[in-house]
Amino acid sequence: GAIGAAIGAVPAVFTFGLSIPIFAMVGSGCGVVAGAALGGTAGLVGGGATGYGAYTKREAIGGTVAQTMTKVDECARYASSSASCVRARLVGGTGGTAD
């Protein structure tokens, strides 16, 4: 936008200053188009590279996921058994006298 406004200052004498905001809008529009094109291209290349890397290592990733899920399942079973043991101690003993 600033470059467009600077360029619009040249014909401002002949257009009574109206060329400055018009050229600023044109310059901003060009900046939006260039930014969208560059950002889209960078996203396409980055996403493609990431996808290719994940695809080539898919077997190793799958094995790691399976190992992680096994470990999570073991931890969940341990936590469940520990909670059952603590619950039995809390519920089983009331702290009163035996009659």
Protein backbone atom coordinates (compact mmCIF):
# COMPACT_ATOMS: atom_id res chain seq x y z
CA GLY A 1 0.00 0.00 0.00
CA ALA A 2 2.78 2.46 0.87
CA ILE A 3 4.59 1.92 -2.43
CA GLY A 4 1.32 2.42 -4.32
CA ALA A 5 0.69 5.65 -2.43
CA ALA A 6 4.20 6.85 -3.23
CA ILE A 7 3.67 6.11 -6.91
CA GLY A 8 0.30 7.88 -6.73
CA ALA A 9 2.03 11.02 -5.51
CA VAL A 10 3.52 11.58 -8.98
CA PRO A 11 0.20 12.24 -10.80
CA ALA A 12 -1.35 13.85 -7.69
CA VAL A 13 -0.87 17.33 -9.17
CA PHE A 14 -3.11 16.47 -12.11
CA THR A 15 -5.75 14.50 -10.14
CA PHE A 16 -6.03 16.92 -7.19
CA GLY A 17 -4.60 14.26 -4.84
CA LEU A 18 -7.16 11.56 -5.63
CA SER A 19 -4.55 9.34 -7.25
CA ILE A 20 -2.77 8.74 -3.91
CA PRO A 21 -5.55 6.64 -2.23
CA ILE A 22 -6.41 4.96 -5.54
CA PHE A 23 -2.81 3.89 -6.13
CA ALA A 24 -2.57 2.83 -2.47
CA MET A 25 -5.59 0.53 -2.98
CA VAL A 26 -4.10 -0.91 -6.17
CA GLY A 27 -0.75 -1.45 -4.43
CA SER A 28 -2.47 -3.13 -1.48
CA GLY A 29 -4.41 -5.39 -3.83
CA CYS A 30 -1.20 -6.41 -5.56
CA GLY A 31 0.35 -7.13 -2.16
CA VAL A 32 -2.60 -9.30 -1.15
CA VAL A 33 -2.41 -11.32 -4.36
CA ALA A 34 1.35 -11.76 -4.12
CA GLY A 35 1.13 -12.73 -0.44
CA ALA A 36 -1.62 -15.25 -1.07
CA ALA A 37 0.29 -16.82 -3.93
CA LEU A 38 3.52 -17.02 -1.97
CA GLY A 39 1.81 -18.31 1.18
CA GLY A 40 -0.16 -20.90 -0.76
CA THR A 41 2.97 -22.11 -2.51
CA ALA A 42 4.89 -22.37 0.75
CA GLY A 43 2.02 -24.28 2.34
CA LEU A 44 1.80 -26.65 -0.60
CA VAL A 45 5.53 -27.39 -0.58
CA GLY A 46 5.70 -27.73 3.21
CA GLY A 47 2.64 -29.97 3.37
CA GLY A 48 3.91 -32.11 0.52
CA ALA A 49 7.29 -32.57 2.16
CA THR A 50 5.69 -33.48 5.48
CA GLY A 51 3.33 -35.94 3.83
CA TYR A 52 6.14 -37.56 1.87
CA GLY A 53 8.28 -37.90 4.99
CA ALA A 54 5.43 -39.46 6.94
CA TYR A 55 4.61 -41.82 4.06
CA THR A 56 8.18 -43.08 3.73
CA LYS A 57 8.39 -43.76 7.48
CA ARG A 58 4.84 -45.08 7.91
CA GLU A 59 5.92 -48.56 9.06
CA ALA A 60 8.21 -47.19 11.78
CA ILE A 61 5.50 -44.74 12.86
CA GLY A 62 2.95 -47.55 13.01
CA GLY A 63 5.26 -49.70 15.12
CA THR A 64 5.89 -46.85 17.53
CA VAL A 65 2.17 -46.16 17.84
CA ALA A 66 1.52 -49.82 18.60
CA GLN A 67 4.23 -49.86 21.29
CA THR A 68 2.88 -46.68 22.81
CA MET A 69 -0.67 -48.03 22.91
CA THR A 70 0.57 -51.21 24.61
CA LYS A 71 2.41 -49.17 27.25
CA VAL A 72 -0.64 -46.95 27.83
CA ASP A 73 -2.81 -50.05 28.28
CA GLU A 74 -0.33 -51.49 30.81
CA CYS A 75 -0.29 -48.22 32.75
CA ALA A 76 -4.09 -48.07 32.77
CA ARG A 77 -4.32 -51.62 34.11
CA TYR A 78 -1.75 -50.82 36.82
CA ALA A 79 -3.62 -47.66 37.84
CA SER A 80 -6.90 -49.55 37.95
CA SER A 81 -5.47 -52.32 40.13
CA SER A 82 -3.83 -49.76 42.44
CA ALA A 83 -7.08 -47.86 42.77
CA SER A 84 -8.92 -51.09 43.59
CA CYS A 85 -6.40 -51.86 46.32
CA VAL A 86 -6.72 -48.40 47.86
CA ARG A 87 -10.51 -48.54 47.61
CA ALA A 88 -10.55 -51.90 49.42
CA ARG A 89 -8.45 -50.45 52.25
CA LEU A 90 -10.66 -47.39 52.60
CA VAL A 91 -14.00 -49.18 52.42
CA GLY A 92 -12.94 -52.29 54.29
CA GLY A 93 -11.80 -50.57 57.47
CA THR A 94 -14.23 -48.17 59.14
CA GLY A 95 -11.99 -47.43 62.08
CA GLY A 96 -14.69 -48.51 64.58
CA THR A 97 -14.62 -51.29 67.14
CA ALA A 98 -15.39 -54.84 66.20
CA ASP A 99 -18.57 -56.24 67.75
